[in-house]
N, C-alpha and C. Protein backbone atom coordinates (compact mmCIF):
# COMPACT_ATOMS: atom_id res chain seq x y z
N UNK A 1 246.55 36.50 237.60
CA UNK A 1 245.69 36.23 236.47
C UNK A 1 245.83 37.31 235.40
N UNK A 2 245.82 38.56 235.81
CA UNK A 2 245.94 39.66 234.86
C UNK A 2 247.30 39.59 234.17
N UNK A 3 248.35 39.26 234.94
CA UNK A 3 249.69 39.15 234.36
C UNK A 3 249.71 38.10 233.25
N UNK A 4 249.07 36.95 233.50
CA UNK A 4 249.03 35.90 232.48
C UNK A 4 248.22 36.34 231.26
N UNK A 5 247.13 37.04 231.48
CA UNK A 5 246.31 37.53 230.39
C UNK A 5 247.10 38.53 229.54
N UNK A 6 247.81 39.44 230.19
CA UNK A 6 248.62 40.41 229.47
C UNK A 6 249.70 39.70 228.67
N UNK A 7 250.35 38.70 229.28
CA UNK A 7 251.38 37.94 228.57
C UNK A 7 250.78 37.24 227.35
N UNK A 8 249.61 36.64 227.50
CA UNK A 8 248.97 35.95 226.38
C UNK A 8 248.62 36.93 225.25
N UNK A 9 248.11 38.09 225.61
CA UNK A 9 247.77 39.09 224.59
C UNK A 9 249.05 39.56 223.90
N UNK A 10 250.09 39.79 224.68
CA UNK A 10 251.36 40.22 224.12
C UNK A 10 251.93 39.16 223.17
N UNK A 11 251.89 37.92 223.59
CA UNK A 11 252.40 36.82 222.76
C UNK A 11 251.58 36.72 221.47
N UNK A 12 250.28 36.83 221.59
CA UNK A 12 249.42 36.76 220.40
C UNK A 12 249.74 37.88 219.42
N UNK A 13 250.07 39.03 219.95
CA UNK A 13 250.37 40.18 219.11
C UNK A 13 251.68 40.00 218.36
N UNK A 14 252.70 39.38 219.01
CA UNK A 14 254.02 39.30 218.39
C UNK A 14 254.24 38.05 217.56
N UNK A 15 253.44 37.02 217.76
CA UNK A 15 253.73 35.77 217.06
C UNK A 15 253.25 35.81 215.62
N UNK A 16 253.90 35.00 214.83
CA UNK A 16 253.61 34.93 213.41
C UNK A 16 252.54 33.89 213.16
N UNK A 17 251.53 34.26 212.42
CA UNK A 17 250.43 33.34 212.16
C UNK A 17 250.52 32.66 210.81
N UNK A 18 251.52 33.01 210.01
CA UNK A 18 251.62 32.42 208.68
C UNK A 18 252.87 31.58 208.57
N UNK A 19 252.88 30.72 207.57
CA UNK A 19 254.04 29.87 207.35
C UNK A 19 255.16 30.68 206.72
N UNK A 20 256.36 30.10 206.73
CA UNK A 20 257.51 30.75 206.13
C UNK A 20 258.38 29.68 205.47
N UNK A 21 259.35 30.11 204.68
CA UNK A 21 260.24 29.17 204.00
C UNK A 21 261.27 28.66 204.99
N UNK A 22 260.97 27.53 205.61
CA UNK A 22 261.80 26.96 206.67
C UNK A 22 263.22 26.73 206.18
N UNK A 23 263.35 26.11 205.03
CA UNK A 23 264.69 25.79 204.52
C UNK A 23 265.51 27.07 204.34
N UNK A 24 264.92 28.10 203.76
CA UNK A 24 265.64 29.35 203.53
C UNK A 24 266.06 29.97 204.85
N UNK A 25 265.16 30.02 205.79
CA UNK A 25 265.45 30.64 207.08
C UNK A 25 266.55 29.89 207.82
N UNK A 26 266.48 28.57 207.83
CA UNK A 26 267.48 27.79 208.56
C UNK A 26 268.85 27.81 207.90
N UNK A 27 268.89 28.15 206.63
CA UNK A 27 270.17 28.20 205.94
C UNK A 27 270.85 29.57 206.04
N UNK A 28 270.17 30.55 206.65
CA UNK A 28 270.79 31.86 206.81
C UNK A 28 272.07 31.71 207.62
N UNK A 29 273.07 32.45 207.24
CA UNK A 29 274.40 32.34 207.83
C UNK A 29 274.37 32.44 209.35
N UNK A 30 273.66 33.42 209.89
CA UNK A 30 273.67 33.62 211.34
C UNK A 30 273.18 32.40 212.09
N UNK A 31 272.21 31.69 211.56
CA UNK A 31 271.69 30.51 212.24
C UNK A 31 272.51 29.27 211.90
N UNK A 32 272.98 29.20 210.67
CA UNK A 32 273.72 28.03 210.24
C UNK A 32 274.93 27.78 211.13
N UNK A 33 275.60 28.83 211.55
CA UNK A 33 276.79 28.67 212.38
C UNK A 33 276.45 28.12 213.76
N UNK A 34 275.20 28.20 214.19
CA UNK A 34 274.81 27.79 215.53
C UNK A 34 274.11 26.43 215.55
N UNK A 35 273.96 25.80 214.42
CA UNK A 35 273.20 24.56 214.38
C UNK A 35 273.96 23.43 213.72
N UNK A 36 273.32 22.33 213.60
CA UNK A 36 273.90 21.17 212.94
C UNK A 36 273.76 21.23 211.42
N UNK A 37 273.11 22.26 210.91
CA UNK A 37 272.96 22.40 209.47
C UNK A 37 274.35 22.42 208.82
N UNK A 38 275.24 23.22 209.38
CA UNK A 38 276.60 23.33 208.82
C UNK A 38 277.38 22.03 209.03
N UNK A 39 277.31 21.48 210.23
CA UNK A 39 278.05 20.26 210.54
C UNK A 39 277.66 19.11 209.62
N UNK A 40 276.36 19.00 209.33
CA UNK A 40 275.87 17.92 208.48
C UNK A 40 275.89 18.27 207.00
N UNK A 41 276.26 19.54 206.70
CA UNK A 41 276.31 20.02 205.33
C UNK A 41 274.94 19.88 204.64
N UNK A 42 273.90 20.25 205.37
CA UNK A 42 272.54 20.17 204.85
C UNK A 42 272.25 21.38 203.96
N UNK A 43 271.44 21.14 202.93
CA UNK A 43 270.96 22.22 202.09
C UNK A 43 269.43 22.25 202.19
N UNK A 44 268.80 23.05 201.34
CA UNK A 44 267.35 23.21 201.43
C UNK A 44 266.60 21.90 201.18
N UNK A 45 267.14 21.02 200.36
CA UNK A 45 266.49 19.73 200.11
C UNK A 45 266.46 18.89 201.39
N UNK A 46 267.57 18.84 202.10
CA UNK A 46 267.62 18.10 203.36
C UNK A 46 266.59 18.65 204.35
N UNK A 47 266.57 19.98 204.46
CA UNK A 47 265.66 20.60 205.43
C UNK A 47 264.20 20.43 205.04
N UNK A 48 263.93 20.42 203.75
CA UNK A 48 262.55 20.18 203.30
C UNK A 48 262.11 18.76 203.59
N UNK A 49 263.07 17.85 203.71
CA UNK A 49 262.74 16.47 204.11
C UNK A 49 262.38 16.41 205.60
N UNK A 50 262.86 17.36 206.37
CA UNK A 50 262.65 17.36 207.81
C UNK A 50 261.39 18.11 208.21
N UNK A 51 261.21 19.33 207.68
CA UNK A 51 260.13 20.22 208.11
C UNK A 51 259.14 20.50 207.00
N UNK A 52 257.87 20.63 207.38
CA UNK A 52 256.87 21.08 206.41
C UNK A 52 256.86 22.60 206.38
N UNK A 53 255.94 23.18 205.62
CA UNK A 53 255.88 24.64 205.47
C UNK A 53 255.51 25.37 206.75
N UNK A 54 254.99 24.65 207.74
CA UNK A 54 254.64 25.26 209.02
C UNK A 54 255.67 24.98 210.10
N UNK A 55 256.81 24.39 209.71
CA UNK A 55 257.93 24.08 210.60
C UNK A 55 257.62 22.91 211.53
N UNK A 56 256.67 22.07 211.15
CA UNK A 56 256.36 20.84 211.86
C UNK A 56 257.19 19.73 211.23
N UNK A 57 257.68 18.80 212.06
CA UNK A 57 258.48 17.69 211.54
C UNK A 57 257.59 16.78 210.69
N UNK A 58 258.08 16.49 209.49
CA UNK A 58 257.34 15.63 208.57
C UNK A 58 257.27 14.19 209.08
N UNK A 59 256.15 13.54 208.81
CA UNK A 59 255.97 12.13 209.10
C UNK A 59 255.73 11.41 207.79
N UNK A 60 256.21 10.21 207.57
CA UNK A 60 257.07 9.45 208.47
C UNK A 60 258.43 10.15 208.59
N UNK A 61 259.12 9.81 209.66
CA UNK A 61 260.41 10.41 209.96
C UNK A 61 261.42 10.03 208.89
N UNK A 62 262.04 11.03 208.30
CA UNK A 62 263.04 10.84 207.24
C UNK A 62 264.42 10.64 207.89
N UNK A 63 265.32 9.90 207.25
CA UNK A 63 266.68 9.74 207.79
C UNK A 63 267.39 11.07 208.07
N UNK A 64 267.12 12.11 207.26
CA UNK A 64 267.70 13.43 207.53
C UNK A 64 267.23 13.98 208.87
N UNK A 65 266.00 13.68 209.24
CA UNK A 65 265.45 14.12 210.52
C UNK A 65 266.22 13.49 211.67
N UNK A 66 266.48 12.22 211.54
CA UNK A 66 267.22 11.50 212.59
C UNK A 66 268.62 12.10 212.74
N UNK A 67 269.32 12.31 211.63
CA UNK A 67 270.66 12.90 211.68
C UNK A 67 270.63 14.28 212.33
N UNK A 68 269.69 15.10 211.89
CA UNK A 68 269.58 16.47 212.36
C UNK A 68 269.33 16.54 213.87
N UNK A 69 268.35 15.79 214.33
CA UNK A 69 268.01 15.86 215.76
C UNK A 69 269.03 15.16 216.64
N UNK A 70 269.61 14.07 216.17
CA UNK A 70 270.66 13.42 216.97
C UNK A 70 271.85 14.35 217.13
N UNK A 71 272.20 15.09 216.08
CA UNK A 71 273.27 16.07 216.17
C UNK A 71 272.92 17.16 217.17
N UNK A 72 271.70 17.69 217.10
CA UNK A 72 271.28 18.74 218.03
C UNK A 72 271.25 18.25 219.48
N UNK A 73 270.78 17.04 219.68
CA UNK A 73 270.74 16.47 221.03
C UNK A 73 272.16 16.38 221.59
N UNK A 74 273.07 15.91 220.76
CA UNK A 74 274.47 15.75 221.19
C UNK A 74 275.16 17.11 221.38
N UNK A 75 275.05 17.96 220.40
CA UNK A 75 275.78 19.24 220.40
C UNK A 75 275.29 20.19 221.48
N UNK A 76 274.00 20.23 221.71
CA UNK A 76 273.42 21.20 222.64
C UNK A 76 272.96 20.59 223.96
N UNK A 77 273.19 19.29 224.16
CA UNK A 77 272.82 18.61 225.42
C UNK A 77 271.34 18.84 225.76
N UNK A 78 270.49 18.57 224.79
CA UNK A 78 269.06 18.82 224.93
C UNK A 78 268.34 17.79 225.80
N UNK A 79 268.99 16.65 226.00
CA UNK A 79 268.41 15.60 226.83
C UNK A 79 269.39 15.29 227.96
N UNK A 80 268.87 15.19 229.19
CA UNK A 80 269.71 14.86 230.34
C UNK A 80 270.04 13.36 230.34
N UNK A 81 270.99 12.99 231.18
CA UNK A 81 271.41 11.59 231.28
C UNK A 81 270.25 10.67 231.65
N UNK A 82 269.26 11.19 232.38
CA UNK A 82 268.11 10.38 232.78
C UNK A 82 267.05 10.27 231.68
N UNK A 83 267.32 10.88 230.51
CA UNK A 83 266.39 10.79 229.39
C UNK A 83 265.34 11.89 229.34
N UNK A 84 265.35 12.79 230.30
CA UNK A 84 264.37 13.88 230.34
C UNK A 84 264.89 15.09 229.56
N UNK A 85 263.97 15.96 229.18
CA UNK A 85 264.35 17.19 228.49
C UNK A 85 265.23 18.04 229.40
N UNK A 86 266.22 18.69 228.84
CA UNK A 86 267.14 19.54 229.58
C UNK A 86 266.69 21.00 229.41
N UNK A 87 266.03 21.52 230.41
CA UNK A 87 265.34 22.81 230.36
C UNK A 87 266.19 23.97 229.84
N UNK A 88 267.29 24.27 230.47
CA UNK A 88 268.05 25.47 230.11
C UNK A 88 268.60 25.45 228.68
N UNK A 89 269.24 24.36 228.23
CA UNK A 89 269.70 24.36 226.84
C UNK A 89 268.54 24.46 225.83
N UNK A 90 267.41 23.87 226.15
CA UNK A 90 266.26 23.97 225.24
C UNK A 90 265.73 25.40 225.18
N UNK A 91 265.62 26.04 226.33
CA UNK A 91 265.15 27.43 226.34
C UNK A 91 266.16 28.33 225.62
N UNK A 92 267.45 28.11 225.86
CA UNK A 92 268.47 28.90 225.16
C UNK A 92 268.36 28.73 223.65
N UNK A 93 268.13 27.51 223.21
CA UNK A 93 267.98 27.26 221.77
C UNK A 93 266.72 27.94 221.23
N UNK A 94 265.64 27.89 221.99
CA UNK A 94 264.40 28.56 221.58
C UNK A 94 264.61 30.07 221.49
N UNK A 95 265.33 30.64 222.44
CA UNK A 95 265.59 32.09 222.41
C UNK A 95 266.36 32.45 221.14
N UNK A 96 267.33 31.61 220.73
CA UNK A 96 268.10 31.88 219.52
C UNK A 96 267.25 31.72 218.26
N UNK A 97 266.32 30.77 218.28
CA UNK A 97 265.45 30.57 217.12
C UNK A 97 264.29 31.57 217.08
N UNK A 98 264.01 32.18 218.21
CA UNK A 98 262.87 33.08 218.33
C UNK A 98 262.72 34.11 217.23
N UNK A 99 263.78 34.84 216.89
CA UNK A 99 263.63 35.86 215.85
C UNK A 99 263.13 35.31 214.52
N UNK A 100 263.34 34.03 214.28
CA UNK A 100 262.86 33.43 213.03
C UNK A 100 261.37 33.10 213.10
N UNK A 101 260.86 32.94 214.30
CA UNK A 101 259.48 32.51 214.47
C UNK A 101 258.54 33.64 214.84
N UNK A 102 259.08 34.78 215.24
CA UNK A 102 258.25 35.88 215.69
C UNK A 102 258.13 36.97 214.63
N UNK A 103 256.96 37.56 214.56
CA UNK A 103 256.71 38.60 213.57
C UNK A 103 257.49 39.86 213.90
N UNK A 104 257.52 40.24 215.16
CA UNK A 104 258.20 41.45 215.58
C UNK A 104 259.33 41.13 216.54
N UNK A 105 260.34 41.97 216.54
CA UNK A 105 261.46 41.79 217.45
C UNK A 105 260.99 42.13 218.87
N UNK A 106 261.42 41.31 219.83
CA UNK A 106 261.11 41.58 221.23
C UNK A 106 262.42 41.56 222.01
N UNK A 107 262.41 42.19 223.17
CA UNK A 107 263.63 42.22 223.96
C UNK A 107 263.91 40.84 224.55
N UNK A 108 265.14 40.65 224.98
CA UNK A 108 265.58 39.35 225.47
C UNK A 108 264.76 38.86 226.66
N UNK A 109 264.38 39.76 227.54
CA UNK A 109 263.60 39.37 228.73
C UNK A 109 262.22 38.83 228.31
N UNK A 110 261.55 39.54 227.42
CA UNK A 110 260.23 39.10 226.94
C UNK A 110 260.35 37.79 226.17
N UNK A 111 261.41 37.65 225.37
CA UNK A 111 261.62 36.42 224.62
C UNK A 111 261.84 35.25 225.58
N UNK A 112 262.64 35.49 226.61
CA UNK A 112 262.90 34.42 227.58
C UNK A 112 261.60 34.00 228.27
N UNK A 113 260.76 34.96 228.64
CA UNK A 113 259.47 34.65 229.27
C UNK A 113 258.57 33.86 228.32
N UNK A 114 258.55 34.27 227.05
CA UNK A 114 257.75 33.56 226.05
C UNK A 114 258.18 32.11 225.95
N UNK A 115 259.48 31.88 225.82
CA UNK A 115 259.98 30.52 225.64
C UNK A 115 259.85 29.70 226.92
N UNK A 116 259.96 30.34 228.07
CA UNK A 116 259.72 29.63 229.34
C UNK A 116 258.27 29.12 229.36
N UNK A 117 257.35 29.99 228.97
CA UNK A 117 255.94 29.63 228.94
C UNK A 117 255.69 28.46 228.00
N UNK A 118 256.27 28.53 226.80
CA UNK A 118 256.09 27.45 225.84
C UNK A 118 256.79 26.18 226.29
N UNK A 119 257.96 26.32 226.91
CA UNK A 119 258.64 25.13 227.44
C UNK A 119 257.74 24.45 228.47
N UNK A 120 257.17 25.23 229.37
CA UNK A 120 256.31 24.66 230.41
C UNK A 120 255.11 23.95 229.80
N UNK A 121 254.58 24.48 228.71
CA UNK A 121 253.43 23.86 228.05
C UNK A 121 253.80 22.55 227.35
N UNK A 122 255.05 22.41 226.95
CA UNK A 122 255.45 21.28 226.11
C UNK A 122 256.45 20.34 226.76
N UNK A 123 256.79 20.57 228.01
CA UNK A 123 257.87 19.80 228.64
C UNK A 123 257.51 18.34 228.93
N UNK A 124 256.25 17.99 228.85
CA UNK A 124 255.86 16.58 229.05
C UNK A 124 255.88 15.86 227.70
N UNK A 125 256.97 16.03 226.97
CA UNK A 125 257.09 15.45 225.63
C UNK A 125 256.93 13.94 225.68
N UNK A 126 256.22 13.42 224.69
CA UNK A 126 255.97 11.99 224.60
C UNK A 126 257.06 11.31 223.78
N UNK A 127 257.29 10.07 224.07
CA UNK A 127 258.25 9.28 223.30
C UNK A 127 259.08 8.41 224.22
N UNK A 128 259.59 7.34 223.64
CA UNK A 128 260.41 6.43 224.44
C UNK A 128 261.90 6.67 224.23
N UNK A 129 262.25 7.35 223.15
CA UNK A 129 263.65 7.63 222.88
C UNK A 129 263.89 9.14 222.95
N UNK A 130 265.15 9.56 223.14
CA UNK A 130 265.45 11.00 223.11
C UNK A 130 265.00 11.66 221.81
N UNK A 131 265.18 10.97 220.69
CA UNK A 131 264.77 11.51 219.40
C UNK A 131 263.26 11.77 219.36
N UNK A 132 262.47 10.80 219.80
CA UNK A 132 261.01 10.97 219.81
C UNK A 132 260.60 12.11 220.73
N UNK A 133 261.25 12.24 221.88
CA UNK A 133 260.91 13.31 222.82
C UNK A 133 261.23 14.68 222.25
N UNK A 134 262.39 14.83 221.62
CA UNK A 134 262.76 16.13 221.06
C UNK A 134 261.84 16.51 219.90
N UNK A 135 261.51 15.56 219.06
CA UNK A 135 260.60 15.85 217.94
C UNK A 135 259.22 16.24 218.48
N UNK A 136 258.72 15.52 219.47
CA UNK A 136 257.43 15.85 220.06
C UNK A 136 257.48 17.24 220.71
N UNK A 137 258.56 17.53 221.40
CA UNK A 137 258.72 18.85 222.03
C UNK A 137 258.73 19.95 220.96
N UNK A 138 259.52 19.75 219.92
CA UNK A 138 259.60 20.74 218.83
C UNK A 138 258.21 21.02 218.25
N UNK A 139 257.50 19.95 217.87
CA UNK A 139 256.19 20.12 217.27
C UNK A 139 255.22 20.79 218.23
N UNK A 140 255.27 20.44 219.50
CA UNK A 140 254.40 21.05 220.50
C UNK A 140 254.65 22.55 220.58
N UNK A 141 255.91 22.96 220.61
CA UNK A 141 256.23 24.39 220.69
C UNK A 141 255.67 25.13 219.48
N UNK A 142 255.87 24.57 218.29
CA UNK A 142 255.39 25.22 217.07
C UNK A 142 253.85 25.29 217.06
N UNK A 143 253.20 24.22 217.47
CA UNK A 143 251.73 24.20 217.50
C UNK A 143 251.20 25.18 218.54
N UNK A 144 251.80 25.21 219.73
CA UNK A 144 251.36 26.14 220.77
C UNK A 144 251.59 27.59 220.34
N UNK A 145 252.70 27.85 219.69
CA UNK A 145 252.99 29.20 219.19
C UNK A 145 251.94 29.62 218.17
N UNK A 146 251.55 28.71 217.29
CA UNK A 146 250.51 29.01 216.29
C UNK A 146 249.16 29.27 216.96
N UNK A 147 248.84 28.54 218.02
CA UNK A 147 247.59 28.77 218.74
C UNK A 147 247.56 30.16 219.34
N UNK A 148 248.68 30.61 219.85
CA UNK A 148 248.74 31.94 220.45
C UNK A 148 248.52 33.03 219.42
N UNK A 149 248.89 32.77 218.18
CA UNK A 149 248.76 33.81 217.15
C UNK A 149 247.37 33.87 216.55
N UNK A 150 246.51 32.93 216.87
CA UNK A 150 245.15 32.90 216.31
C UNK A 150 244.36 34.14 216.71
N UNK A 151 244.60 34.67 217.91
CA UNK A 151 243.83 35.81 218.41
C UNK A 151 244.30 37.12 217.86
N UNK A 152 245.29 37.12 216.97
CA UNK A 152 245.84 38.34 216.40
C UNK A 152 244.80 39.17 215.72
């Protein structure tokens, strides 16, 4: 119990409680090379069609969103053959995105623990298609991360 409490306090301390320029961050060279942004030749307009200022997927779903997530599902094997979320590739992707979402830099071990915790909280993603499940998972992670930062 104490270990979980310490982890929660630590997460609350390091997480970012404010919005950021999603399009600008996702277009940074270091991230662009690791995502479908480059493959799809997306710019800030495309990304603004996908994400709001809090990094939540915009509704209704825009065609750019479908392209972006279908590419990520394919490229990173985010969904298993049985249609379920693929734990390790999702956690690896979260670890790579982590520096963009966290206020302070944390070591790899702490980052992995943080993303494992968030994965566990969001792994029951809703949806009938792989696209719906990944979008639900993404939004759940962002929402849960924001909840953790409230106690800052």
